[in-house]
Amino acid sequence: MNPIETVAVVAADPIVRAGLARMLSAAPGLAVRHELADLAALRGHRPSLVVLDLYDRPPAASWDELRVVALVRPQDPPDLTAALRGGAVALITRRSAAVDLVLAVEAVRRGGVYVTAELLAVLPGPATTAREPRLTDREAETLRWVAQGLTHSQIGRRMGLTESTVNTYVKRIRAKLHAGNKAELTRRAIELGFVTRSP
């Protein structure tokens, strides 16, 4: 049985805050512990993750290592690299469907990232310069699963490969992208446009 994840909902607008809390409370394995107007009120508490509405506030440089699902304006999306470094691991908008909120939370719970399709549409696509490293189709698929938080064993089962083969793919991807760890691989996956909606 999976442990219950504690969630803090932070939104200046009380209607948005209440709506987010209601949707999250209906999701299995989640318990909304805090409903706050401002992130500063969360001091001293360490929820498993934070759902943060950024419509009425500028993105913070850092959220003290909190795992953040951020609601951002589609017409003014943040720089994804900066958002990831700051702690945001999922980006959706107020126009996103309820299922996007659930998928974003699930991706974060697995250690992955999530960007709603609406935001992917306004962000730059994969780089195509000659200098950009080229991944094979299998390497690109592996990178997508890594970015969504799957273990090498889980990736192997999805792709019909042995865990050893997945390990080899990941080593090649790290070398091609000059990525030293999973966080860097995830960041590069977003920069190159390989992150897609969770299945």
N, C-alpha and C. Protein backbone atom coordinates (compact mmCIF):
# COMPACT_ATOMS: atom_id res chain seq x y z
N MET A 1 0.84 -1.19 0.00
CA MET A 1 0.00 0.00 0.00
C MET A 1 0.88 1.25 0.00
N ASN A 2 0.60 2.19 -0.94
CA ASN A 2 1.41 3.39 -1.04
C ASN A 2 1.11 4.32 0.12
N PRO A 3 2.12 5.02 0.65
CA PRO A 3 1.89 5.95 1.75
C PRO A 3 1.06 7.14 1.29
N ILE A 4 0.33 7.74 2.24
CA ILE A 4 -0.46 8.93 1.94
C ILE A 4 0.49 10.11 1.75
N GLU A 5 0.31 10.84 0.67
CA GLU A 5 1.11 12.04 0.42
C GLU A 5 0.37 13.25 0.97
N THR A 6 1.07 14.07 1.74
CA THR A 6 0.46 15.29 2.27
C THR A 6 0.69 16.44 1.30
N VAL A 7 -0.35 17.22 1.07
CA VAL A 7 -0.33 18.27 0.06
C VAL A 7 -0.68 19.61 0.70
N ALA A 8 0.01 20.66 0.27
CA ALA A 8 -0.34 22.03 0.62
C ALA A 8 -0.81 22.73 -0.65
N VAL A 9 -1.94 23.40 -0.58
CA VAL A 9 -2.46 24.18 -1.70
C VAL A 9 -2.24 25.65 -1.36
N VAL A 10 -1.52 26.36 -2.23
CA VAL A 10 -1.20 27.77 -1.98
C VAL A 10 -1.70 28.58 -3.17
N ALA A 11 -2.69 29.44 -2.90
CA ALA A 11 -3.27 30.30 -3.93
C ALA A 11 -3.86 31.53 -3.27
N ALA A 12 -3.57 32.70 -3.83
CA ALA A 12 -4.10 33.94 -3.26
C ALA A 12 -5.61 34.02 -3.44
N ASP A 13 -6.12 33.51 -4.54
CA ASP A 13 -7.55 33.55 -4.83
C ASP A 13 -8.26 32.44 -4.06
N PRO A 14 -9.21 32.76 -3.15
CA PRO A 14 -9.84 31.73 -2.33
C PRO A 14 -10.66 30.73 -3.13
N ILE A 15 -11.24 31.15 -4.26
CA ILE A 15 -12.03 30.23 -5.09
C ILE A 15 -11.11 29.21 -5.76
N VAL A 16 -10.00 29.69 -6.30
CA VAL A 16 -9.02 28.79 -6.92
C VAL A 16 -8.47 27.83 -5.87
N ARG A 17 -8.15 28.35 -4.70
CA ARG A 17 -7.60 27.52 -3.61
C ARG A 17 -8.57 26.42 -3.23
N ALA A 18 -9.85 26.78 -3.05
CA ALA A 18 -10.85 25.79 -2.66
C ALA A 18 -11.06 24.75 -3.75
N GLY A 19 -11.06 25.19 -5.02
CA GLY A 19 -11.26 24.25 -6.12
C GLY A 19 -10.11 23.25 -6.24
N LEU A 20 -8.88 23.74 -6.11
CA LEU A 20 -7.73 22.85 -6.16
C LEU A 20 -7.77 21.85 -5.02
N ALA A 21 -8.08 22.34 -3.81
CA ALA A 21 -8.12 21.46 -2.65
C ALA A 21 -9.19 20.38 -2.83
N ARG A 22 -10.35 20.75 -3.37
CA ARG A 22 -11.42 19.77 -3.57
C ARG A 22 -10.99 18.69 -4.57
N MET A 23 -10.39 19.11 -5.69
CA MET A 23 -9.95 18.12 -6.69
C MET A 23 -8.88 17.19 -6.13
N LEU A 24 -7.94 17.74 -5.39
CA LEU A 24 -6.86 16.93 -4.83
C LEU A 24 -7.37 15.99 -3.75
N SER A 25 -8.34 16.43 -2.97
CA SER A 25 -8.88 15.59 -1.90
C SER A 25 -9.57 14.35 -2.45
N ALA A 26 -10.07 14.46 -3.69
CA ALA A 26 -10.76 13.32 -4.31
C ALA A 26 -9.79 12.31 -4.90
N ALA A 27 -8.52 12.67 -5.01
CA ALA A 27 -7.52 11.76 -5.61
C ALA A 27 -7.04 10.76 -4.57
N PRO A 28 -6.93 9.49 -4.94
CA PRO A 28 -6.48 8.48 -3.97
C PRO A 28 -5.03 8.70 -3.55
N GLY A 29 -4.75 8.45 -2.27
CA GLY A 29 -3.38 8.55 -1.77
C GLY A 29 -2.93 9.95 -1.43
N LEU A 30 -3.84 10.93 -1.50
CA LEU A 30 -3.49 12.31 -1.19
C LEU A 30 -4.31 12.83 -0.02
N ALA A 31 -3.70 13.66 0.79
CA ALA A 31 -4.40 14.31 1.90
C ALA A 31 -4.00 15.78 1.91
N VAL A 32 -4.97 16.67 1.65
CA VAL A 32 -4.70 18.10 1.68
C VAL A 32 -4.62 18.54 3.13
N ARG A 33 -3.44 18.93 3.57
CA ARG A 33 -3.21 19.31 4.97
C ARG A 33 -3.23 20.81 5.19
N HIS A 34 -2.92 21.58 4.12
CA HIS A 34 -2.84 23.03 4.26
C HIS A 34 -3.49 23.69 3.07
N GLU A 35 -4.30 24.72 3.32
CA GLU A 35 -4.87 25.58 2.29
C GLU A 35 -4.47 27.00 2.67
N LEU A 36 -3.53 27.58 1.92
CA LEU A 36 -2.91 28.84 2.33
C LEU A 36 -2.97 29.87 1.21
N ALA A 37 -3.03 31.15 1.62
CA ALA A 37 -3.02 32.23 0.64
C ALA A 37 -1.61 32.59 0.21
N ASP A 38 -0.62 32.25 1.06
CA ASP A 38 0.75 32.65 0.76
C ASP A 38 1.72 31.56 1.19
N LEU A 39 2.76 31.38 0.42
CA LEU A 39 3.75 30.33 0.69
C LEU A 39 4.47 30.55 2.02
N ALA A 40 4.61 31.81 2.44
CA ALA A 40 5.32 32.11 3.68
C ALA A 40 4.62 31.47 4.89
N ALA A 41 3.31 31.27 4.79
CA ALA A 41 2.56 30.67 5.90
C ALA A 41 2.88 29.18 6.08
N LEU A 42 3.61 28.62 5.14
CA LEU A 42 3.96 27.20 5.20
C LEU A 42 5.19 26.93 6.05
N ARG A 43 5.86 27.98 6.51
CA ARG A 43 7.09 27.81 7.27
C ARG A 43 6.88 26.85 8.45
N GLY A 44 7.85 25.94 8.62
CA GLY A 44 7.76 24.97 9.71
C GLY A 44 7.02 23.70 9.34
N HIS A 45 6.36 23.68 8.18
CA HIS A 45 5.64 22.49 7.73
C HIS A 45 6.34 21.93 6.49
N ARG A 46 6.36 20.62 6.35
CA ARG A 46 7.02 19.98 5.21
C ARG A 46 6.05 19.01 4.53
N PRO A 47 5.10 19.53 3.74
CA PRO A 47 4.23 18.62 3.00
C PRO A 47 5.01 17.85 1.95
N SER A 48 4.43 16.74 1.48
CA SER A 48 5.10 15.95 0.44
C SER A 48 5.24 16.76 -0.84
N LEU A 49 4.22 17.55 -1.16
CA LEU A 49 4.30 18.40 -2.33
C LEU A 49 3.40 19.61 -2.15
N VAL A 50 3.65 20.62 -2.95
CA VAL A 50 2.91 21.88 -2.89
C VAL A 50 2.30 22.16 -4.27
N VAL A 51 1.02 22.47 -4.30
CA VAL A 51 0.37 22.95 -5.52
C VAL A 51 0.27 24.46 -5.36
N LEU A 52 0.99 25.20 -6.22
CA LEU A 52 1.18 26.63 -6.05
C LEU A 52 0.66 27.40 -7.26
N ASP A 53 -0.29 28.30 -7.02
CA ASP A 53 -0.84 29.14 -8.08
C ASP A 53 0.04 30.37 -8.23
N LEU A 54 0.69 30.50 -9.41
CA LEU A 54 1.60 31.62 -9.66
C LEU A 54 0.96 32.73 -10.48
N TYR A 55 -0.36 32.67 -10.68
CA TYR A 55 -1.01 33.68 -11.50
C TYR A 55 -0.90 35.08 -10.89
N ASP A 56 -0.92 35.16 -9.58
CA ASP A 56 -0.92 36.47 -8.92
C ASP A 56 0.40 36.78 -8.22
N ARG A 57 1.44 36.05 -8.58
CA ARG A 57 2.72 36.29 -7.92
C ARG A 57 3.85 35.89 -8.87
N PRO A 58 5.01 36.53 -8.73
CA PRO A 58 6.15 36.16 -9.58
C PRO A 58 6.74 34.83 -9.11
N PRO A 59 7.31 34.04 -10.02
CA PRO A 59 7.97 32.80 -9.60
C PRO A 59 9.11 33.09 -8.64
N ALA A 60 9.24 32.25 -7.63
CA ALA A 60 10.34 32.40 -6.68
C ALA A 60 11.61 31.83 -7.28
N ALA A 61 12.75 32.33 -6.84
CA ALA A 61 14.02 31.77 -7.31
C ALA A 61 14.21 30.36 -6.78
N SER A 62 13.69 30.11 -5.59
CA SER A 62 13.80 28.78 -4.98
C SER A 62 12.67 28.57 -3.99
N TRP A 63 12.24 27.33 -3.88
CA TRP A 63 11.18 27.01 -2.91
C TRP A 63 11.71 26.06 -1.84
N ASP A 64 12.97 26.24 -1.47
CA ASP A 64 13.55 25.48 -0.36
C ASP A 64 13.35 23.97 -0.51
N GLU A 65 13.61 23.48 -1.72
CA GLU A 65 13.59 22.04 -2.00
C GLU A 65 12.22 21.42 -1.87
N LEU A 66 11.15 22.23 -1.89
CA LEU A 66 9.81 21.68 -1.94
C LEU A 66 9.56 21.12 -3.34
N ARG A 67 8.73 20.09 -3.43
CA ARG A 67 8.30 19.59 -4.74
C ARG A 67 7.05 20.38 -5.12
N VAL A 68 7.13 21.13 -6.21
CA VAL A 68 6.08 22.09 -6.54
C VAL A 68 5.39 21.75 -7.86
N VAL A 69 4.07 21.69 -7.83
CA VAL A 69 3.25 21.69 -9.03
C VAL A 69 2.76 23.13 -9.18
N ALA A 70 3.23 23.82 -10.21
CA ALA A 70 2.94 25.25 -10.36
C ALA A 70 1.89 25.49 -11.44
N LEU A 71 0.93 26.36 -11.12
CA LEU A 71 -0.03 26.84 -12.10
C LEU A 71 0.51 28.15 -12.65
N VAL A 72 0.76 28.20 -13.96
CA VAL A 72 1.37 29.38 -14.57
C VAL A 72 0.50 29.89 -15.71
N ARG A 73 0.73 31.15 -16.08
CA ARG A 73 -0.03 31.76 -17.17
C ARG A 73 0.45 31.20 -18.51
N PRO A 74 -0.45 30.69 -19.35
CA PRO A 74 -0.03 30.13 -20.64
C PRO A 74 0.57 31.17 -21.57
N GLN A 75 0.13 32.43 -21.45
CA GLN A 75 0.66 33.47 -22.32
C GLN A 75 2.02 33.98 -21.87
N ASP A 76 2.44 33.58 -20.68
CA ASP A 76 3.73 34.04 -20.14
C ASP A 76 4.39 32.92 -19.35
N PRO A 77 4.69 31.78 -20.01
CA PRO A 77 5.25 30.65 -19.27
C PRO A 77 6.65 30.96 -18.78
N PRO A 78 7.02 30.38 -17.64
CA PRO A 78 8.37 30.64 -17.12
C PRO A 78 9.43 29.90 -17.92
N ASP A 79 10.66 30.30 -17.75
CA ASP A 79 11.77 29.56 -18.32
C ASP A 79 11.82 28.21 -17.62
N LEU A 80 11.73 27.13 -18.38
CA LEU A 80 11.62 25.80 -17.77
C LEU A 80 12.85 25.42 -16.98
N THR A 81 14.01 25.78 -17.48
CA THR A 81 15.24 25.45 -16.76
C THR A 81 15.26 26.14 -15.41
N ALA A 82 14.88 27.44 -15.39
CA ALA A 82 14.85 28.17 -14.12
C ALA A 82 13.80 27.59 -13.19
N ALA A 83 12.64 27.22 -13.74
CA ALA A 83 11.58 26.66 -12.91
C ALA A 83 12.01 25.34 -12.27
N LEU A 84 12.69 24.50 -13.06
CA LEU A 84 13.15 23.22 -12.53
C LEU A 84 14.19 23.42 -11.44
N ARG A 85 15.11 24.35 -11.68
CA ARG A 85 16.13 24.62 -10.67
C ARG A 85 15.50 25.17 -9.40
N GLY A 86 14.40 25.94 -9.54
CA GLY A 86 13.74 26.51 -8.38
C GLY A 86 12.94 25.50 -7.60
N GLY A 87 12.62 24.36 -8.19
CA GLY A 87 11.88 23.33 -7.47
C GLY A 87 10.58 22.93 -8.13
N ALA A 88 10.13 23.68 -9.15
CA ALA A 88 8.90 23.29 -9.84
C ALA A 88 9.18 22.04 -10.67
N VAL A 89 8.40 21.01 -10.45
CA VAL A 89 8.61 19.78 -11.21
C VAL A 89 7.40 19.44 -12.07
N ALA A 90 6.37 20.31 -12.02
CA ALA A 90 5.22 20.14 -12.89
C ALA A 90 4.63 21.51 -13.17
N LEU A 91 4.25 21.74 -14.43
CA LEU A 91 3.67 23.02 -14.83
C LEU A 91 2.34 22.78 -15.53
N ILE A 92 1.29 23.41 -15.00
CA ILE A 92 -0.04 23.36 -15.61
C ILE A 92 -0.59 24.78 -15.60
N THR A 93 -1.80 24.97 -16.11
CA THR A 93 -2.43 26.29 -16.10
C THR A 93 -3.80 26.17 -15.44
N ARG A 94 -4.46 27.32 -15.22
CA ARG A 94 -5.81 27.29 -14.67
C ARG A 94 -6.81 26.72 -15.67
N ARG A 95 -6.45 26.71 -16.93
CA ARG A 95 -7.34 26.15 -17.96
C ARG A 95 -7.14 24.66 -18.14
N SER A 96 -6.15 24.08 -17.47
CA SER A 96 -5.89 22.65 -17.59
C SER A 96 -7.08 21.86 -17.03
N ALA A 97 -7.29 20.69 -17.61
CA ALA A 97 -8.36 19.82 -17.12
C ALA A 97 -7.97 19.22 -15.77
N ALA A 98 -8.97 18.77 -15.03
CA ALA A 98 -8.70 18.16 -13.72
C ALA A 98 -7.75 16.98 -13.87
N VAL A 99 -7.85 16.25 -14.98
CA VAL A 99 -6.97 15.10 -15.19
C VAL A 99 -5.52 15.54 -15.29
N ASP A 100 -5.27 16.75 -15.83
CA ASP A 100 -3.89 17.26 -15.89
C ASP A 100 -3.33 17.46 -14.50
N LEU A 101 -4.15 17.96 -13.58
CA LEU A 101 -3.70 18.15 -12.21
C LEU A 101 -3.31 16.81 -11.59
N VAL A 102 -4.15 15.81 -11.80
CA VAL A 102 -3.87 14.47 -11.25
C VAL A 102 -2.62 13.87 -11.88
N LEU A 103 -2.49 14.00 -13.21
CA LEU A 103 -1.30 13.46 -13.89
C LEU A 103 -0.04 14.17 -13.44
N ALA A 104 -0.13 15.49 -13.23
CA ALA A 104 1.02 16.25 -12.75
C ALA A 104 1.45 15.76 -11.38
N VAL A 105 0.48 15.59 -10.48
CA VAL A 105 0.79 15.11 -9.13
C VAL A 105 1.37 13.71 -9.17
N GLU A 106 0.81 12.83 -10.00
CA GLU A 106 1.32 11.47 -10.10
C GLU A 106 2.75 11.45 -10.63
N ALA A 107 3.04 12.30 -11.63
CA ALA A 107 4.41 12.37 -12.15
C ALA A 107 5.38 12.81 -11.07
N VAL A 108 4.98 13.80 -10.28
CA VAL A 108 5.83 14.28 -9.19
C VAL A 108 6.03 13.19 -8.15
N ARG A 109 5.00 12.46 -7.84
CA ARG A 109 5.10 11.38 -6.84
C ARG A 109 6.07 10.30 -7.29
N ARG A 110 6.18 10.09 -8.61
CA ARG A 110 7.11 9.08 -9.14
C ARG A 110 8.51 9.64 -9.29
N GLY A 111 8.69 10.93 -9.01
CA GLY A 111 10.00 11.53 -9.17
C GLY A 111 10.25 12.09 -10.56
N GLY A 112 9.19 12.22 -11.36
CA GLY A 112 9.34 12.73 -12.71
C GLY A 112 8.91 14.18 -12.82
N VAL A 113 8.70 14.62 -14.05
CA VAL A 113 8.23 15.98 -14.32
C VAL A 113 7.00 15.89 -15.20
N TYR A 114 6.25 16.98 -15.26
CA TYR A 114 5.05 17.03 -16.09
C TYR A 114 4.86 18.44 -16.59
N VAL A 115 4.61 18.57 -17.88
CA VAL A 115 4.27 19.86 -18.48
C VAL A 115 3.02 19.64 -19.32
N THR A 116 1.96 20.39 -19.02
CA THR A 116 0.71 20.20 -19.75
C THR A 116 0.89 20.54 -21.23
N ALA A 117 0.09 19.89 -22.09
CA ALA A 117 0.23 20.07 -23.53
C ALA A 117 0.06 21.53 -23.95
N GLU A 118 -0.79 22.26 -23.25
CA GLU A 118 -1.02 23.67 -23.57
C GLU A 118 0.28 24.48 -23.47
N LEU A 119 1.10 24.17 -22.49
CA LEU A 119 2.37 24.87 -22.33
C LEU A 119 3.42 24.36 -23.30
N LEU A 120 3.42 23.06 -23.55
CA LEU A 120 4.38 22.51 -24.52
C LEU A 120 4.19 23.16 -25.88
N ALA A 121 2.94 23.53 -26.19
CA ALA A 121 2.65 24.12 -27.50
C ALA A 121 3.27 25.49 -27.67
N VAL A 122 3.52 26.20 -26.56
CA VAL A 122 4.08 27.56 -26.68
C VAL A 122 5.56 27.61 -26.32
N LEU A 123 6.14 26.47 -26.01
CA LEU A 123 7.56 26.41 -25.70
C LEU A 123 8.33 25.95 -26.92
N PRO A 124 9.62 26.30 -27.01
CA PRO A 124 10.41 25.87 -28.16
C PRO A 124 10.45 24.36 -28.28
N GLY A 125 10.43 23.86 -29.50
CA GLY A 125 10.51 22.43 -29.74
C GLY A 125 11.94 21.94 -29.64
N PRO A 126 12.19 20.68 -30.05
CA PRO A 126 13.54 20.13 -29.98
C PRO A 126 14.53 20.96 -30.78
N ALA A 127 15.71 21.14 -30.23
CA ALA A 127 16.75 21.88 -30.94
C ALA A 127 17.19 21.10 -32.17
N THR A 128 17.50 21.81 -33.23
CA THR A 128 17.86 21.12 -34.48
C THR A 128 19.22 21.57 -35.01
N THR A 129 19.99 22.24 -34.19
CA THR A 129 21.28 22.69 -34.67
C THR A 129 22.23 21.51 -34.83
N ALA A 130 23.24 21.70 -35.65
CA ALA A 130 24.18 20.62 -35.91
C ALA A 130 24.93 20.23 -34.66
N ARG A 131 25.11 21.18 -33.76
CA ARG A 131 25.86 20.88 -32.54
C ARG A 131 25.07 20.02 -31.56
N GLU A 132 23.74 20.05 -31.67
CA GLU A 132 22.92 19.34 -30.69
C GLU A 132 23.10 17.84 -30.86
N PRO A 133 23.33 17.10 -29.77
CA PRO A 133 23.52 15.66 -29.89
C PRO A 133 22.26 14.97 -30.40
N ARG A 134 22.46 13.96 -31.20
CA ARG A 134 21.32 13.22 -31.74
C ARG A 134 21.14 11.93 -30.95
N LEU A 135 19.93 11.70 -30.51
CA LEU A 135 19.59 10.46 -29.81
C LEU A 135 18.88 9.53 -30.78
N THR A 136 19.14 8.24 -30.64
CA THR A 136 18.38 7.27 -31.42
C THR A 136 16.94 7.25 -30.89
N ASP A 137 16.02 6.65 -31.64
CA ASP A 137 14.62 6.57 -31.20
C ASP A 137 14.51 5.88 -29.86
N ARG A 138 15.27 4.81 -29.67
CA ARG A 138 15.21 4.06 -28.39
C ARG A 138 15.78 4.89 -27.25
N GLU A 139 16.85 5.63 -27.53
CA GLU A 139 17.42 6.49 -26.50
C GLU A 139 16.45 7.61 -26.13
N ALA A 140 15.78 8.18 -27.13
CA ALA A 140 14.81 9.25 -26.87
C ALA A 140 13.65 8.72 -26.03
N GLU A 141 13.18 7.51 -26.35
CA GLU A 141 12.09 6.92 -25.57
C GLU A 141 12.53 6.65 -24.14
N THR A 142 13.75 6.15 -23.98
CA THR A 142 14.29 5.90 -22.64
C THR A 142 14.37 7.21 -21.86
N LEU A 143 14.84 8.27 -22.51
CA LEU A 143 14.95 9.57 -21.84
C LEU A 143 13.58 10.07 -21.38
N ARG A 144 12.56 9.88 -22.21
CA ARG A 144 11.21 10.30 -21.82
C ARG A 144 10.76 9.59 -20.54
N TRP A 145 11.01 8.27 -20.48
CA TRP A 145 10.58 7.51 -19.30
C TRP A 145 11.39 7.92 -18.07
N VAL A 146 12.68 8.17 -18.25
CA VAL A 146 13.51 8.63 -17.13
C VAL A 146 12.96 9.94 -16.58
N ALA A 147 12.61 10.86 -17.49
CA ALA A 147 12.11 12.17 -17.08
C ALA A 147 10.76 12.06 -16.37
N GLN A 148 10.02 10.99 -16.63
CA GLN A 148 8.74 10.79 -15.97
C GLN A 148 8.87 10.02 -14.66
N GLY A 149 10.10 9.72 -14.28
CA GLY A 149 10.34 9.16 -12.95
C GLY A 149 10.36 7.64 -12.86
N LEU A 150 10.36 6.93 -13.99
CA LEU A 150 10.38 5.47 -13.94
C LEU A 150 11.78 4.96 -13.61
N THR A 151 11.83 3.82 -12.93
CA THR A 151 13.10 3.18 -12.65
C THR A 151 13.58 2.45 -13.91
N HIS A 152 14.84 2.05 -13.92
CA HIS A 152 15.36 1.33 -15.08
C HIS A 152 14.61 0.02 -15.28
N SER A 153 14.23 -0.63 -14.21
CA SER A 153 13.47 -1.88 -14.31
C SER A 153 12.10 -1.63 -14.95
N GLN A 154 11.41 -0.56 -14.52
CA GLN A 154 10.10 -0.23 -15.08
C GLN A 154 10.22 0.14 -16.55
N ILE A 155 11.27 0.87 -16.89
CA ILE A 155 11.49 1.25 -18.29
C ILE A 155 11.70 0.00 -19.14
N GLY A 156 12.50 -0.93 -18.62
CA GLY A 156 12.75 -2.18 -19.34
C GLY A 156 11.47 -2.93 -19.64
N ARG A 157 10.58 -3.00 -18.65
CA ARG A 157 9.31 -3.71 -18.86
C ARG A 157 8.46 -3.01 -19.92
N ARG A 158 8.43 -1.68 -19.90
CA ARG A 158 7.63 -0.94 -20.87
C ARG A 158 8.18 -1.06 -22.28
N MET A 159 9.51 -1.14 -22.40
CA MET A 159 10.13 -1.15 -23.71
C MET A 159 10.49 -2.56 -24.19
N GLY A 160 10.26 -3.56 -23.33
CA GLY A 160 10.59 -4.93 -23.70
C GLY A 160 12.08 -5.18 -23.73
N LEU A 161 12.81 -4.53 -22.81
CA LEU A 161 14.26 -4.65 -22.76
C LEU A 161 14.69 -5.17 -21.40
N THR A 162 15.91 -5.67 -21.32
CA THR A 162 16.45 -6.04 -20.02
C THR A 162 16.89 -4.77 -19.30
N GLU A 163 16.97 -4.86 -17.99
CA GLU A 163 17.42 -3.71 -17.21
C GLU A 163 18.84 -3.33 -17.60
N SER A 164 19.66 -4.32 -17.94
CA SER A 164 21.04 -4.06 -18.35
C SER A 164 21.09 -3.22 -19.62
N THR A 165 20.19 -3.53 -20.57
CA THR A 165 20.14 -2.76 -21.81
C THR A 165 19.71 -1.32 -21.53
N VAL A 166 18.73 -1.15 -20.63
CA VAL A 166 18.30 0.20 -20.26
C VAL A 166 19.46 0.96 -19.63
N ASN A 167 20.21 0.29 -18.76
CA ASN A 167 21.38 0.93 -18.15
C ASN A 167 22.36 1.42 -19.21
N THR A 168 22.56 0.60 -20.24
CA THR A 168 23.46 0.97 -21.33
C THR A 168 22.94 2.20 -22.06
N TYR A 169 21.62 2.21 -22.37
CA TYR A 169 21.02 3.37 -23.02
C TYR A 169 21.22 4.63 -22.19
N VAL A 170 20.97 4.52 -20.88
CA VAL A 170 21.07 5.69 -20.01
C VAL A 170 22.51 6.21 -19.97
N LYS A 171 23.49 5.29 -19.94
CA LYS A 171 24.89 5.72 -19.96
C LYS A 171 25.22 6.47 -21.25
N ARG A 172 24.70 5.96 -22.37
CA ARG A 172 24.94 6.64 -23.65
C ARG A 172 24.29 8.03 -23.66
N ILE A 173 23.06 8.10 -23.13
CA ILE A 173 22.34 9.38 -23.10
C ILE A 173 23.09 10.38 -22.23
N ARG A 174 23.55 9.93 -21.05
CA ARG A 174 24.32 10.82 -20.16
C ARG A 174 25.54 11.38 -20.89
N ALA A 175 26.24 10.50 -21.61
CA ALA A 175 27.45 10.93 -22.32
C ALA A 175 27.11 11.93 -23.43
N LYS A 176 26.06 11.65 -24.20
CA LYS A 176 25.69 12.52 -25.30
C LYS A 176 25.21 13.89 -24.82
N LEU A 177 24.47 13.89 -23.70
CA LEU A 177 23.87 15.13 -23.21
C LEU A 177 24.71 15.81 -22.13
N HIS A 178 25.83 15.17 -21.77
CA HIS A 178 26.70 15.70 -20.71
C HIS A 178 25.90 15.93 -19.42
N ALA A 179 25.10 14.93 -19.07
CA ALA A 179 24.25 15.01 -17.87
C ALA A 179 24.80 14.06 -16.81
N GLY A 180 25.03 14.59 -15.61
CA GLY A 180 25.65 13.79 -14.57
C GLY A 180 24.70 13.03 -13.69
N ASN A 181 23.42 13.46 -13.63
CA ASN A 181 22.47 12.79 -12.75
C ASN A 181 21.07 12.87 -13.34
N LYS A 182 20.10 12.30 -12.62
CA LYS A 182 18.74 12.23 -13.13
C LYS A 182 18.11 13.61 -13.30
N ALA A 183 18.41 14.53 -12.37
CA ALA A 183 17.85 15.88 -12.47
C ALA A 183 18.33 16.58 -13.74
N GLU A 184 19.62 16.39 -14.06
CA GLU A 184 20.16 17.00 -15.27
C GLU A 184 19.58 16.34 -16.52
N LEU A 185 19.38 15.03 -16.48
CA LEU A 185 18.73 14.34 -17.60
C LEU A 185 17.32 14.88 -17.82
N THR A 186 16.58 15.08 -16.72
CA THR A 186 15.22 15.60 -16.81
C THR A 186 15.22 17.01 -17.40
N ARG A 187 16.13 17.84 -16.92
CA ARG A 187 16.22 19.20 -17.45
C ARG A 187 16.51 19.19 -18.94
N ARG A 188 17.45 18.34 -19.35
CA ARG A 188 17.80 18.26 -20.78
C ARG A 188 16.65 17.71 -21.61
N ALA A 189 15.88 16.77 -21.02
CA ALA A 189 14.72 16.23 -21.73
C ALA A 189 13.71 17.33 -22.04
N ILE A 190 13.53 18.24 -21.09
CA ILE A 190 12.61 19.36 -21.30
C ILE A 190 13.17 20.33 -22.32
N GLU A 191 14.45 20.66 -22.17
CA GLU A 191 15.08 21.61 -23.10
C GLU A 191 15.02 21.11 -24.55
N LEU A 192 15.13 19.80 -24.72
CA LEU A 192 15.15 19.22 -26.08
C LEU A 192 13.77 18.88 -26.59
N GLY A 193 12.74 19.08 -25.75
CA GLY A 193 11.36 18.83 -26.19
C GLY A 193 10.94 17.39 -26.14
N PHE A 194 11.64 16.56 -25.36
CA PHE A 194 11.30 15.15 -25.29
C PHE A 194 10.25 14.81 -24.24
N VAL A 195 9.91 15.75 -23.37
CA VAL A 195 8.93 15.47 -22.32
C VAL A 195 7.54 15.56 -22.94
N THR A 196 6.76 14.51 -22.73
CA THR A 196 5.40 14.47 -23.24
C THR A 196 4.45 14.25 -22.09
N ARG A 197 3.19 14.28 -22.35
CA ARG A 197 2.19 14.06 -21.30
C ARG A 197 2.34 12.65 -20.77
N SER A 198 2.08 12.50 -19.48
CA SER A 198 2.17 11.18 -18.86
C SER A 198 1.13 10.28 -19.49
N PRO A 199 1.44 8.98 -19.64
CA PRO A 199 0.49 8.07 -20.29
C PRO A 199 -0.71 7.84 -19.40
